[in-house]
Amino acid sequence: MAKADVKMPDEFLAKLSRLGSQTDTIAKKVLQAGGEVALDKVRSNLSAVVGVGNKSESRSTGELERSLGLSPVMVDKNGNHDIKIGFSEPRTDGSSNAKIANILEYGTSTQQAKPFLKPAKSAVKKQCVDAMKSAFEKEVEGL
């Protein structure tokens, strides 16, 4: 499955650590804000490539696009918070949405690559950081 990481700036992380008991709650809201910006761009890019440029008529059912979403904010074994953009599984036909997304992103020997995830990552990095900073400042003002 394709993966995209967006790192938070060090200054931002330092502010976050000073918030004490509210850190986890605020981190979730901040990551959700950034994740939603990235999700919108991924969804837009995916819609733009599905069924386009095929040699034969598209067989798209829309299931891949409907399965795209954000994970809940999780904390890893090192205490780092993260949120992921991915596809719910399985498809109604039993195949894997992640497999189909991978084929679209990277292509096969018989299908041209139609990247949608990597361009989205590059395009929204600054917007995600700005959205997270804005959400963070809003939460800090509320304390």
N, C-alpha and C. Protein backbone atom coordinates (compact mmCIF):
# COMPACT_ATOMS: atom_id res chain seq x y z
N MET A 1 0.84 -1.19 0.00
CA MET A 1 0.00 0.00 0.00
C MET A 1 0.88 1.24 0.00
N ALA A 2 0.47 2.24 -0.69
CA ALA A 2 1.21 3.49 -0.75
C ALA A 2 1.14 4.18 0.61
N LYS A 3 2.20 4.94 0.92
CA LYS A 3 2.27 5.58 2.22
C LYS A 3 2.84 6.98 2.06
N ALA A 4 2.33 7.91 2.82
CA ALA A 4 2.85 9.27 2.82
C ALA A 4 3.02 9.73 4.25
N ASP A 5 4.16 10.31 4.57
CA ASP A 5 4.43 10.84 5.90
C ASP A 5 4.62 12.35 5.78
N VAL A 6 4.05 13.08 6.73
CA VAL A 6 4.29 14.51 6.82
C VAL A 6 4.81 14.74 8.23
N LYS A 7 6.01 15.28 8.34
CA LYS A 7 6.67 15.51 9.64
C LYS A 7 6.28 16.88 10.18
N MET A 8 6.08 16.96 11.49
CA MET A 8 5.78 18.22 12.13
C MET A 8 7.09 18.97 12.39
N PRO A 9 7.10 20.31 12.24
CA PRO A 9 8.31 21.09 12.51
C PRO A 9 8.72 20.98 13.98
N ASP A 10 10.04 21.07 14.24
CA ASP A 10 10.57 20.93 15.61
C ASP A 10 10.01 21.99 16.55
N GLU A 11 9.90 23.23 16.08
CA GLU A 11 9.36 24.31 16.91
C GLU A 11 7.93 23.98 17.35
N PHE A 12 7.17 23.44 16.44
CA PHE A 12 5.80 23.04 16.69
C PHE A 12 5.76 21.94 17.75
N LEU A 13 6.65 20.95 17.63
CA LEU A 13 6.71 19.86 18.60
C LEU A 13 7.10 20.35 19.99
N ALA A 14 8.00 21.35 20.06
CA ALA A 14 8.41 21.91 21.35
C ALA A 14 7.23 22.58 22.04
N LYS A 15 6.43 23.35 21.28
CA LYS A 15 5.24 23.98 21.86
C LYS A 15 4.27 22.91 22.35
N LEU A 16 4.11 21.90 21.57
CA LEU A 16 3.17 20.84 21.89
C LEU A 16 3.55 20.16 23.21
N SER A 17 4.83 19.95 23.43
CA SER A 17 5.27 19.25 24.64
C SER A 17 5.05 20.06 25.91
N ARG A 18 4.91 21.38 25.79
CA ARG A 18 4.70 22.23 26.96
C ARG A 18 3.25 22.27 27.43
N LEU A 19 2.39 21.57 26.77
CA LEU A 19 0.97 21.68 27.09
C LEU A 19 0.49 20.70 28.15
N GLY A 20 1.39 19.86 28.63
CA GLY A 20 1.05 18.97 29.74
C GLY A 20 -0.03 17.96 29.43
N SER A 21 -1.03 17.90 30.29
CA SER A 21 -2.05 16.86 30.20
C SER A 21 -2.93 16.96 28.96
N GLN A 22 -2.94 18.10 28.30
CA GLN A 22 -3.77 18.29 27.11
C GLN A 22 -3.07 17.86 25.82
N THR A 23 -1.81 17.45 25.93
CA THR A 23 -1.00 17.14 24.75
C THR A 23 -1.67 16.13 23.83
N ASP A 24 -2.13 15.01 24.35
CA ASP A 24 -2.71 13.98 23.51
C ASP A 24 -3.98 14.46 22.81
N THR A 25 -4.83 15.16 23.52
CA THR A 25 -6.07 15.66 22.94
C THR A 25 -5.80 16.66 21.83
N ILE A 26 -4.87 17.57 22.09
CA ILE A 26 -4.54 18.59 21.09
C ILE A 26 -3.84 17.97 19.90
N ALA A 27 -2.94 17.02 20.14
CA ALA A 27 -2.22 16.36 19.04
C ALA A 27 -3.21 15.68 18.10
N LYS A 28 -4.23 15.07 18.64
CA LYS A 28 -5.24 14.41 17.80
C LYS A 28 -5.96 15.43 16.91
N LYS A 29 -6.34 16.55 17.48
CA LYS A 29 -7.05 17.57 16.70
C LYS A 29 -6.15 18.18 15.63
N VAL A 30 -4.89 18.39 15.97
CA VAL A 30 -3.94 18.97 15.04
C VAL A 30 -3.68 18.02 13.87
N LEU A 31 -3.43 16.75 14.18
CA LEU A 31 -3.20 15.76 13.12
C LEU A 31 -4.44 15.56 12.26
N GLN A 32 -5.60 15.60 12.86
CA GLN A 32 -6.85 15.47 12.10
C GLN A 32 -6.97 16.61 11.09
N ALA A 33 -6.62 17.84 11.51
CA ALA A 33 -6.70 19.00 10.61
C ALA A 33 -5.75 18.83 9.42
N GLY A 34 -4.53 18.42 9.67
CA GLY A 34 -3.58 18.20 8.59
C GLY A 34 -3.98 17.03 7.71
N GLY A 35 -4.47 15.97 8.33
CA GLY A 35 -4.90 14.79 7.59
C GLY A 35 -6.05 15.07 6.65
N GLU A 36 -6.97 15.91 7.07
CA GLU A 36 -8.12 16.24 6.22
C GLU A 36 -7.69 17.01 4.98
N VAL A 37 -6.71 17.90 5.13
CA VAL A 37 -6.18 18.64 3.97
C VAL A 37 -5.56 17.66 2.98
N ALA A 38 -4.72 16.75 3.49
CA ALA A 38 -4.07 15.77 2.62
C ALA A 38 -5.10 14.83 1.98
N LEU A 39 -6.07 14.39 2.76
CA LEU A 39 -7.10 13.49 2.25
C LEU A 39 -7.87 14.13 1.08
N ASP A 40 -8.20 15.39 1.21
CA ASP A 40 -8.92 16.09 0.13
C ASP A 40 -8.11 16.06 -1.16
N LYS A 41 -6.81 16.30 -1.07
CA LYS A 41 -5.97 16.32 -2.26
C LYS A 41 -5.81 14.91 -2.85
N VAL A 42 -5.61 13.91 -1.99
CA VAL A 42 -5.50 12.54 -2.47
C VAL A 42 -6.79 12.13 -3.17
N ARG A 43 -7.92 12.45 -2.56
CA ARG A 43 -9.22 12.10 -3.15
C ARG A 43 -9.39 12.78 -4.51
N SER A 44 -9.02 14.04 -4.59
CA SER A 44 -9.12 14.78 -5.86
C SER A 44 -8.22 14.16 -6.92
N ASN A 45 -6.98 13.85 -6.56
CA ASN A 45 -6.05 13.23 -7.51
C ASN A 45 -6.54 11.85 -7.95
N LEU A 46 -7.06 11.08 -7.00
CA LEU A 46 -7.55 9.74 -7.33
C LEU A 46 -8.71 9.83 -8.32
N SER A 47 -9.63 10.73 -8.07
CA SER A 47 -10.77 10.90 -8.98
C SER A 47 -10.32 11.30 -10.37
N ALA A 48 -9.24 12.06 -10.44
CA ALA A 48 -8.74 12.53 -11.73
C ALA A 48 -8.07 11.43 -12.55
N VAL A 49 -7.57 10.36 -11.90
CA VAL A 49 -6.86 9.32 -12.65
C VAL A 49 -7.67 8.06 -12.88
N VAL A 50 -8.69 7.81 -12.08
CA VAL A 50 -9.47 6.59 -12.23
C VAL A 50 -10.26 6.64 -13.53
N GLY A 51 -10.08 5.62 -14.36
CA GLY A 51 -10.82 5.50 -15.60
C GLY A 51 -10.34 6.40 -16.72
N VAL A 52 -9.24 7.12 -16.53
CA VAL A 52 -8.73 8.04 -17.53
C VAL A 52 -7.54 7.41 -18.26
N GLY A 53 -7.49 7.57 -19.56
CA GLY A 53 -6.36 7.11 -20.33
C GLY A 53 -6.30 5.61 -20.54
N ASN A 54 -7.41 4.93 -20.39
CA ASN A 54 -7.44 3.48 -20.60
C ASN A 54 -7.58 3.16 -22.08
N LYS A 55 -7.00 2.04 -22.50
CA LYS A 55 -7.14 1.60 -23.89
C LYS A 55 -8.54 1.04 -24.14
N SER A 56 -9.14 0.49 -23.10
CA SER A 56 -10.50 -0.03 -23.22
C SER A 56 -11.41 0.75 -22.27
N GLU A 57 -12.69 0.48 -22.35
CA GLU A 57 -13.66 1.17 -21.51
C GLU A 57 -13.37 0.90 -20.03
N SER A 58 -13.50 1.93 -19.21
CA SER A 58 -13.23 1.81 -17.77
C SER A 58 -14.22 0.86 -17.11
N ARG A 59 -13.70 0.07 -16.17
CA ARG A 59 -14.56 -0.84 -15.40
C ARG A 59 -14.70 -0.35 -13.96
N SER A 60 -14.40 0.91 -13.74
CA SER A 60 -14.43 1.47 -12.39
C SER A 60 -15.83 1.41 -11.80
N THR A 61 -15.89 0.96 -10.55
CA THR A 61 -17.16 0.89 -9.83
C THR A 61 -17.29 2.03 -8.82
N GLY A 62 -16.21 2.77 -8.60
CA GLY A 62 -16.20 3.83 -7.60
C GLY A 62 -15.89 3.32 -6.21
N GLU A 63 -15.71 2.01 -6.07
CA GLU A 63 -15.48 1.43 -4.75
C GLU A 63 -14.15 1.88 -4.16
N LEU A 64 -13.11 2.00 -4.99
CA LEU A 64 -11.81 2.44 -4.50
C LEU A 64 -11.90 3.84 -3.92
N GLU A 65 -12.55 4.72 -4.63
CA GLU A 65 -12.69 6.10 -4.17
C GLU A 65 -13.52 6.18 -2.89
N ARG A 66 -14.56 5.39 -2.80
CA ARG A 66 -15.40 5.39 -1.58
C ARG A 66 -14.67 4.82 -0.38
N SER A 67 -13.70 3.96 -0.61
CA SER A 67 -13.00 3.32 0.51
C SER A 67 -11.87 4.17 1.07
N LEU A 68 -11.53 5.27 0.41
CA LEU A 68 -10.45 6.15 0.85
C LEU A 68 -10.87 6.91 2.10
N GLY A 69 -9.99 6.97 3.08
CA GLY A 69 -10.32 7.69 4.31
C GLY A 69 -9.13 7.87 5.22
N LEU A 70 -9.38 8.48 6.37
CA LEU A 70 -8.36 8.71 7.40
C LEU A 70 -8.49 7.69 8.51
N SER A 71 -7.36 7.26 9.04
CA SER A 71 -7.37 6.38 10.20
C SER A 71 -7.58 7.25 11.44
N PRO A 72 -7.94 6.64 12.54
CA PRO A 72 -7.93 7.40 13.80
C PRO A 72 -6.47 7.75 14.14
N VAL A 73 -6.27 8.78 14.94
CA VAL A 73 -4.92 9.13 15.39
C VAL A 73 -4.45 8.03 16.32
N MET A 74 -3.24 7.53 16.04
CA MET A 74 -2.66 6.45 16.83
C MET A 74 -1.35 6.93 17.46
N VAL A 75 -0.93 6.26 18.52
CA VAL A 75 0.35 6.53 19.16
C VAL A 75 1.20 5.28 19.00
N ASP A 76 2.42 5.44 18.44
CA ASP A 76 3.28 4.27 18.22
C ASP A 76 4.05 3.93 19.49
N LYS A 77 4.89 2.89 19.42
CA LYS A 77 5.62 2.41 20.59
C LYS A 77 6.61 3.44 21.11
N ASN A 78 6.98 4.45 20.30
CA ASN A 78 7.90 5.50 20.73
C ASN A 78 7.17 6.73 21.25
N GLY A 79 5.84 6.67 21.31
CA GLY A 79 5.05 7.79 21.80
C GLY A 79 4.73 8.84 20.75
N ASN A 80 5.02 8.54 19.49
CA ASN A 80 4.73 9.47 18.40
C ASN A 80 3.30 9.29 17.91
N HIS A 81 2.62 10.39 17.69
CA HIS A 81 1.25 10.36 17.18
C HIS A 81 1.30 10.33 15.66
N ASP A 82 0.38 9.61 15.05
CA ASP A 82 0.28 9.64 13.59
C ASP A 82 -1.14 9.36 13.14
N ILE A 83 -1.38 9.76 11.90
CA ILE A 83 -2.66 9.53 11.25
C ILE A 83 -2.33 9.08 9.83
N LYS A 84 -3.12 8.21 9.28
CA LYS A 84 -2.81 7.66 7.97
C LYS A 84 -3.98 7.83 7.02
N ILE A 85 -3.63 8.01 5.77
CA ILE A 85 -4.62 8.02 4.70
C ILE A 85 -4.53 6.64 4.06
N GLY A 86 -5.65 5.98 3.92
CA GLY A 86 -5.62 4.64 3.34
C GLY A 86 -6.98 4.21 2.84
N PHE A 87 -7.04 2.94 2.52
CA PHE A 87 -8.24 2.35 1.95
C PHE A 87 -8.80 1.29 2.88
N SER A 88 -10.10 1.32 3.10
CA SER A 88 -10.72 0.28 3.90
C SER A 88 -10.75 -1.01 3.08
N GLU A 89 -10.74 -2.10 3.73
CA GLU A 89 -10.69 -3.42 3.09
C GLU A 89 -11.82 -4.28 3.62
N PRO A 90 -12.18 -5.33 3.00
CA PRO A 90 -11.88 -5.72 1.62
C PRO A 90 -12.90 -5.12 0.68
N ARG A 91 -12.68 -5.31 -0.61
CA ARG A 91 -13.66 -4.89 -1.61
C ARG A 91 -14.81 -5.90 -1.62
N THR A 92 -15.90 -5.52 -2.23
CA THR A 92 -17.06 -6.44 -2.27
C THR A 92 -16.76 -7.68 -3.11
N ASP A 93 -15.82 -7.56 -4.06
CA ASP A 93 -15.46 -8.72 -4.88
C ASP A 93 -14.37 -9.57 -4.25
N GLY A 94 -13.92 -9.19 -3.05
CA GLY A 94 -12.91 -9.97 -2.33
C GLY A 94 -11.49 -9.55 -2.61
N SER A 95 -11.24 -8.70 -3.61
CA SER A 95 -9.88 -8.26 -3.89
C SER A 95 -9.51 -7.12 -2.94
N SER A 96 -8.29 -6.63 -3.08
CA SER A 96 -7.76 -5.64 -2.15
C SER A 96 -7.76 -4.24 -2.76
N ASN A 97 -8.30 -3.28 -2.02
CA ASN A 97 -8.24 -1.88 -2.45
C ASN A 97 -6.79 -1.40 -2.48
N ALA A 98 -5.99 -1.82 -1.51
CA ALA A 98 -4.58 -1.42 -1.48
C ALA A 98 -3.85 -1.90 -2.73
N LYS A 99 -4.16 -3.11 -3.18
CA LYS A 99 -3.54 -3.65 -4.39
C LYS A 99 -3.92 -2.81 -5.61
N ILE A 100 -5.18 -2.48 -5.73
CA ILE A 100 -5.64 -1.70 -6.86
C ILE A 100 -5.03 -0.29 -6.82
N ALA A 101 -4.95 0.30 -5.64
CA ALA A 101 -4.32 1.61 -5.50
C ALA A 101 -2.85 1.55 -5.90
N ASN A 102 -2.17 0.49 -5.50
CA ASN A 102 -0.76 0.30 -5.85
C ASN A 102 -0.59 0.19 -7.36
N ILE A 103 -1.48 -0.56 -8.01
CA ILE A 103 -1.42 -0.70 -9.47
C ILE A 103 -1.64 0.65 -10.14
N LEU A 104 -2.59 1.44 -9.64
CA LEU A 104 -2.80 2.77 -10.21
C LEU A 104 -1.57 3.65 -10.02
N GLU A 105 -1.02 3.65 -8.83
CA GLU A 105 0.12 4.52 -8.49
C GLU A 105 1.37 4.17 -9.29
N TYR A 106 1.68 2.88 -9.39
CA TYR A 106 2.95 2.45 -9.97
C TYR A 106 2.82 1.75 -11.32
N GLY A 107 1.63 1.36 -11.71
CA GLY A 107 1.42 0.69 -12.98
C GLY A 107 1.84 -0.77 -12.94
N THR A 108 1.68 -1.44 -14.06
CA THR A 108 2.11 -2.83 -14.24
C THR A 108 2.75 -2.93 -15.62
N SER A 109 3.12 -4.12 -16.00
CA SER A 109 3.70 -4.30 -17.32
C SER A 109 2.69 -4.02 -18.43
N THR A 110 1.41 -4.09 -18.10
CA THR A 110 0.37 -3.85 -19.10
C THR A 110 -0.45 -2.59 -18.86
N GLN A 111 -0.21 -1.92 -17.75
CA GLN A 111 -0.98 -0.71 -17.43
C GLN A 111 -0.03 0.41 -17.04
N GLN A 112 -0.23 1.55 -17.64
CA GLN A 112 0.59 2.72 -17.36
C GLN A 112 0.33 3.22 -15.93
N ALA A 113 1.39 3.69 -15.27
CA ALA A 113 1.25 4.26 -13.93
C ALA A 113 0.43 5.55 -14.01
N LYS A 114 -0.42 5.74 -13.00
CA LYS A 114 -1.22 6.96 -12.88
C LYS A 114 -1.08 7.46 -11.45
N PRO A 115 0.08 8.04 -11.13
CA PRO A 115 0.33 8.45 -9.74
C PRO A 115 -0.72 9.44 -9.23
N PHE A 116 -1.18 9.19 -8.03
CA PHE A 116 -2.13 10.10 -7.39
C PHE A 116 -1.71 10.42 -5.96
N LEU A 117 -0.98 9.50 -5.32
CA LEU A 117 -0.59 9.70 -3.93
C LEU A 117 0.66 10.56 -3.80
N LYS A 118 1.71 10.20 -4.51
CA LYS A 118 2.96 10.95 -4.41
C LYS A 118 2.78 12.41 -4.82
N PRO A 119 2.09 12.70 -5.93
CA PRO A 119 1.87 14.11 -6.27
C PRO A 119 1.06 14.86 -5.20
N ALA A 120 0.13 14.18 -4.57
CA ALA A 120 -0.66 14.82 -3.51
C ALA A 120 0.22 15.16 -2.32
N LYS A 121 1.11 14.24 -1.98
CA LYS A 121 2.03 14.48 -0.86
C LYS A 121 2.87 15.71 -1.11
N SER A 122 3.41 15.82 -2.31
CA SER A 122 4.25 16.97 -2.65
C SER A 122 3.44 18.27 -2.67
N ALA A 123 2.23 18.21 -3.18
CA ALA A 123 1.41 19.41 -3.37
C ALA A 123 0.88 20.01 -2.08
N VAL A 124 0.62 19.18 -1.07
CA VAL A 124 -0.07 19.70 0.12
C VAL A 124 0.79 19.78 1.38
N LYS A 125 2.06 19.51 1.25
CA LYS A 125 2.91 19.52 2.45
C LYS A 125 2.79 20.84 3.23
N LYS A 126 2.98 21.96 2.54
CA LYS A 126 2.90 23.25 3.20
C LYS A 126 1.49 23.52 3.73
N GLN A 127 0.48 23.16 2.95
CA GLN A 127 -0.91 23.37 3.38
C GLN A 127 -1.22 22.56 4.64
N CYS A 128 -0.71 21.34 4.71
CA CYS A 128 -0.93 20.50 5.90
C CYS A 128 -0.28 21.12 7.12
N VAL A 129 0.96 21.56 6.97
CA VAL A 129 1.66 22.20 8.09
C VAL A 129 0.91 23.44 8.53
N ASP A 130 0.46 24.26 7.58
CA ASP A 130 -0.29 25.47 7.92
C ASP A 130 -1.59 25.13 8.64
N ALA A 131 -2.30 24.10 8.17
CA ALA A 131 -3.55 23.69 8.82
C ALA A 131 -3.28 23.18 10.24
N MET A 132 -2.20 22.44 10.41
CA MET A 132 -1.86 21.93 11.75
C MET A 132 -1.47 23.08 12.68
N LYS A 133 -0.70 24.03 12.17
CA LYS A 133 -0.31 25.19 12.99
C LYS A 133 -1.54 25.98 13.41
N SER A 134 -2.45 26.19 12.48
CA SER A 134 -3.67 26.93 12.77
C SER A 134 -4.51 26.21 13.83
N ALA A 135 -4.66 24.91 13.66
CA ALA A 135 -5.43 24.12 14.64
C ALA A 135 -4.75 24.15 16.01
N PHE A 136 -3.43 24.10 16.01
CA PHE A 136 -2.68 24.13 17.26
C PHE A 136 -2.88 25.47 17.97
N GLU A 137 -2.72 26.57 17.22
CA GLU A 137 -2.88 27.89 17.81
C GLU A 137 -4.30 28.06 18.37
N LYS A 138 -5.29 27.56 17.66
CA LYS A 138 -6.68 27.64 18.12
C LYS A 138 -6.84 26.88 19.44
N GLU A 139 -6.24 25.71 19.52
CA GLU A 139 -6.34 24.92 20.74
C GLU A 139 -5.60 25.57 21.91
N VAL A 140 -4.44 26.15 21.63
CA VAL A 140 -3.65 26.81 22.69
C VAL A 140 -4.39 28.02 23.22
N GLU A 141 -5.03 28.77 22.32
CA GLU A 141 -5.81 29.93 22.77
C GLU A 141 -6.95 29.52 23.68
N GLY A 142 -7.47 28.33 23.47
CA GLY A 142 -8.59 27.84 24.28
C GLY A 142 -8.19 27.34 25.66
N LEU A 143 -6.91 27.23 25.93
CA LEU A 143 -6.46 26.73 27.25
C LEU A 143 -6.47 27.81 28.30
